Amino acid sequence: MNRQQLIDYMQKKYQTKPDHPWEKFPDYAVFRHSDNEKWYALLMDIPAEKIGLDQDGRIDVLDLKVEPELVGSLRKKPGIYPVYHMNKEHWITVLLNGPLGAKEIHSLIDDSFRLTR
């Protein structure tokens, strides 16, 4: 799944557009609930080593909220990492161009949306 496919999914399903709140990081995008402004997803391009990958360059990742009791088991899946930028007990980081398929990523987005209402 690439960045544009992800954005298209969230715009279509939740009618949310990316918000770019940081001038210093113009490619970072926050997705919020329209009614309460709470974040349900954070899309970033970060250096690969920030999540422990042994490669050069930047990668697209998505931070999502999950049930705390699922964090440990989800982190064992290829393509899911300890969260880069949020509370590590409630959030995970998903590698966009990694081994997870679109359906799995969509399901995680849907859960994050529900959990942040």
C-alpha atoms as a PDB file:
ATOM      1  CA  MET A   1       0.000   0.000   0.000  1.00  0.00           C
ATOM      2  CA  ASN A   2       1.385   3.387  -0.880  1.00  0.00           C
ATOM      3  CA  ARG A   3       0.814   6.810   0.641  1.00  0.00           C
ATOM      4  CA  GLN A   4      -1.830   7.935  -1.866  1.00  0.00           C
ATOM      5  CA  GLN A   5      -3.852   4.707  -1.556  1.00  0.00           C
ATOM      6  CA  LEU A   6      -3.875   5.173   2.202  1.00  0.00           C
ATOM      7  CA  ILE A   7      -5.014   8.785   1.965  1.00  0.00           C
ATOM      8  CA  ASP A   8      -7.719   7.845  -0.551  1.00  0.00           C
ATOM      9  CA  TYR A   9      -9.027   5.123   1.784  1.00  0.00           C
ATOM     10  CA  MET A  10      -9.344   7.470   4.773  1.00  0.00           C
ATOM     11  CA  GLN A  11     -10.894  10.244   2.711  1.00  0.00           C
ATOM     12  CA  LYS A  12     -13.484   7.914   1.206  1.00  0.00           C
ATOM     13  CA  LYS A  13     -14.360   5.917   4.333  1.00  0.00           C
ATOM     14  CA  TYR A  14     -14.141   8.639   6.998  1.00  0.00           C
ATOM     15  CA  GLN A  15     -14.334  11.868   4.986  1.00  0.00           C
ATOM     16  CA  THR A  16     -11.105  13.071   6.590  1.00  0.00           C
ATOM     17  CA  LYS A  17      -8.398  14.912   4.755  1.00  0.00           C
ATOM     18  CA  PRO A  18      -4.768  15.000   5.779  1.00  0.00           C
ATOM     19  CA  ASP A  19      -3.792  17.882   8.032  1.00  0.00           C
ATOM     20  CA  HIS A  20      -0.169  19.030   7.843  1.00  0.00           C
ATOM     21  CA  PRO A  21       0.385  20.770  11.201  1.00  0.00           C
ATOM     22  CA  TRP A  22       4.187  20.993  11.136  1.00  0.00           C
ATOM     23  CA  GLU A  23       5.942  23.400   8.813  1.00  0.00           C
ATOM     24  CA  LYS A  24       9.246  21.639   9.534  1.00  0.00           C
ATOM     25  CA  PHE A  25       7.754  18.295   8.403  1.00  0.00           C
ATOM     26  CA  PRO A  26       5.517  19.050   5.415  1.00  0.00           C
ATOM     27  CA  ASP A  27       5.130  15.360   4.480  1.00  0.00           C
ATOM     28  CA  TYR A  28       3.756  14.409   7.900  1.00  0.00           C
ATOM     29  CA  ALA A  29      -0.037  14.162   7.854  1.00  0.00           C
ATOM     30  CA  VAL A  30      -2.455  13.853  10.760  1.00  0.00           C
ATOM     31  CA  PHE A  31      -5.909  12.342  10.274  1.00  0.00           C
ATOM     32  CA  ARG A  32      -8.516  13.510  12.782  1.00  0.00           C
ATOM     33  CA  HIS A  33     -12.118  12.888  13.652  1.00  0.00           C
ATOM     34  CA  SER A  34     -14.206  15.708  12.238  1.00  0.00           C
ATOM     35  CA  ASP A  35     -16.271  16.109  15.417  1.00  0.00           C
ATOM     36  CA  ASN A  36     -13.703  15.988  18.231  1.00  0.00           C
ATOM     37  CA  GLU A  37     -10.414  16.655  16.378  1.00  0.00           C
ATOM     38  CA  LYS A  38      -8.765  13.583  17.971  1.00  0.00           C
ATOM     39  CA  TRP A  39      -6.074  11.929  15.889  1.00  0.00           C
ATOM     40  CA  TYR A  40      -6.690   8.432  14.656  1.00  0.00           C
ATOM     41  CA  ALA A  41      -3.676   8.183  12.329  1.00  0.00           C
ATOM     42  CA  LEU A  42      -0.333   9.862  11.762  1.00  0.00           C
ATOM     43  CA  LEU A  43       1.364   9.370   8.388  1.00  0.00           C
ATOM     44  CA  MET A  44       5.087  10.122   8.266  1.00  0.00           C
ATOM     45  CA  ASP A  45       8.175   9.588   6.178  1.00  0.00           C
ATOM     46  CA  ILE A  46      11.018   8.846   8.551  1.00  0.00           C
ATOM     47  CA  PRO A  47      14.580   7.515   8.353  1.00  0.00           C
ATOM     48  CA  ALA A  48      14.372   3.711   8.285  1.00  0.00           C
ATOM     49  CA  GLU A  49      16.731   3.365  11.243  1.00  0.00           C
ATOM     50  CA  LYS A  50      14.195   5.156  13.495  1.00  0.00           C
ATOM     51  CA  ILE A  51      12.190   1.925  13.689  1.00  0.00           C
ATOM     52  CA  GLY A  52      15.231  -0.339  13.696  1.00  0.00           C
ATOM     53  CA  LEU A  53      15.508  -1.201  10.002  1.00  0.00           C
ATOM     54  CA  ASP A  54      19.013  -1.722   8.681  1.00  0.00           C
ATOM     55  CA  GLN A  55      18.657   0.289   5.486  1.00  0.00           C
ATOM     56  CA  ASP A  56      19.308   3.772   4.209  1.00  0.00           C
ATOM     57  CA  GLY A  57      16.724   6.270   3.179  1.00  0.00           C
ATOM     58  CA  ARG A  58      13.285   7.329   4.300  1.00  0.00           C
ATOM     59  CA  ILE A  59      10.218   5.124   4.597  1.00  0.00           C
ATOM     60  CA  ASP A  60       6.497   5.813   4.870  1.00  0.00           C
ATOM     61  CA  VAL A  61       4.948   4.689   8.148  1.00  0.00           C
ATOM     62  CA  LEU A  62       1.567   5.041   9.790  1.00  0.00           C
ATOM     63  CA  ASP A  63       0.994   5.346  13.541  1.00  0.00           C
ATOM     64  CA  LEU A  64      -2.305   3.827  14.693  1.00  0.00           C
ATOM     65  CA  LYS A  65      -4.016   3.302  18.030  1.00  0.00           C
ATOM     66  CA  VAL A  66      -4.754  -0.308  19.047  1.00  0.00           C
ATOM     67  CA  GLU A  67      -6.176  -2.121  22.048  1.00  0.00           C
ATOM     68  CA  PRO A  68      -3.413  -2.197  24.691  1.00  0.00           C
ATOM     69  CA  GLU A  69      -3.732  -5.967  25.096  1.00  0.00           C
ATOM     70  CA  LEU A  70      -3.006  -6.429  21.362  1.00  0.00           C
ATOM     71  CA  VAL A  71       0.127  -4.273  21.154  1.00  0.00           C
ATOM     72  CA  GLY A  72       2.550  -7.076  22.054  1.00  0.00           C
ATOM     73  CA  SER A  73       1.151  -9.630  19.639  1.00  0.00           C
ATOM     74  CA  LEU A  74       0.815  -7.110  16.806  1.00  0.00           C
ATOM     75  CA  ARG A  75       4.474  -6.075  17.176  1.00  0.00           C
ATOM     76  CA  LYS A  76       5.464  -9.676  16.439  1.00  0.00           C
ATOM     77  CA  LYS A  77       4.004  -9.395  12.929  1.00  0.00           C
ATOM     78  CA  PRO A  78       6.382  -8.424  10.133  1.00  0.00           C
ATOM     79  CA  GLY A  79       5.730  -4.816   9.136  1.00  0.00           C
ATOM     80  CA  ILE A  80       4.503  -3.683  12.571  1.00  0.00           C
ATOM     81  CA  TYR A  81       6.876  -1.940  14.979  1.00  0.00           C
ATOM     82  CA  PRO A  82       6.880  -0.229  18.362  1.00  0.00           C
ATOM     83  CA  VAL A  83       5.396   3.177  17.776  1.00  0.00           C
ATOM     84  CA  TYR A  84       7.816   5.845  16.639  1.00  0.00           C
ATOM     85  CA  HIS A  85       6.047   8.968  17.851  1.00  0.00           C
ATOM     86  CA  MET A  86       3.217   8.159  20.312  1.00  0.00           C
ATOM     87  CA  ASN A  87       2.387   6.290  23.549  1.00  0.00           C
ATOM     88  CA  LYS A  88       3.968   2.843  23.192  1.00  0.00           C
ATOM     89  CA  GLU A  89       1.243   1.146  25.263  1.00  0.00           C
ATOM     90  CA  HIS A  90      -1.576   2.152  22.916  1.00  0.00           C
ATOM     91  CA  TRP A  91      -0.065   2.809  19.483  1.00  0.00           C
ATOM     92  CA  ILE A  92       1.890   0.912  16.814  1.00  0.00           C
ATOM     93  CA  THR A  93       3.827   1.910  13.716  1.00  0.00           C
ATOM     94  CA  VAL A  94       2.952   0.192  10.431  1.00  0.00           C
ATOM     95  CA  LEU A  95       5.394   0.092   7.514  1.00  0.00           C
ATOM     96  CA  LEU A  96       3.344   1.099   4.459  1.00  0.00           C
ATOM     97  CA  ASN A  97       5.338  -0.600   1.736  1.00  0.00           C
ATOM     98  CA  GLY A  98       5.974  -3.632   3.896  1.00  0.00           C
ATOM     99  CA  PRO A  99       4.539  -7.130   4.122  1.00  0.00           C
ATOM    100  CA  LEU A 100       1.058  -6.171   5.369  1.00  0.00           C
ATOM    101  CA  GLY A 101      -1.684  -6.158   2.764  1.00  0.00           C
ATOM    102  CA  ALA A 102      -4.230  -3.414   2.235  1.00  0.00           C
ATOM    103  CA  LYS A 103      -6.987  -5.345   4.049  1.00  0.00           C
ATOM    104  CA  GLU A 104      -4.849  -5.709   7.186  1.00  0.00           C
ATOM    105  CA  ILE A 105      -3.886  -2.038   7.140  1.00  0.00           C
ATOM    106  CA  HIS A 106      -7.511  -1.002   6.552  1.00  0.00           C
ATOM    107  CA  SER A 107      -8.605  -3.122   9.515  1.00  0.00           C
ATOM    108  CA  LEU A 108      -6.003  -1.482  11.750  1.00  0.00           C
ATOM    109  CA  ILE A 109      -7.112   1.979  10.567  1.00  0.00           C
ATOM    110  CA  ASP A 110     -10.740   1.091  11.283  1.00  0.00           C
ATOM    111  CA  ASP A 111      -9.833  -0.059  14.799  1.00  0.00           C
ATOM    112  CA  SER A 112      -7.843   3.115  15.432  1.00  0.00           C
ATOM    113  CA  PHE A 113     -10.743   5.248  14.243  1.00  0.00           C
ATOM    114  CA  ARG A 114     -13.117   3.419  16.588  1.00  0.00           C
ATOM    115  CA  LEU A 115     -10.750   3.598  19.553  1.00  0.00           C
ATOM    116  CA  THR A 116     -10.190   7.347  19.247  1.00  0.00           C
ATOM    117  CA  ARG A 117     -13.829   8.432  19.138  1.00  0.00           C
END
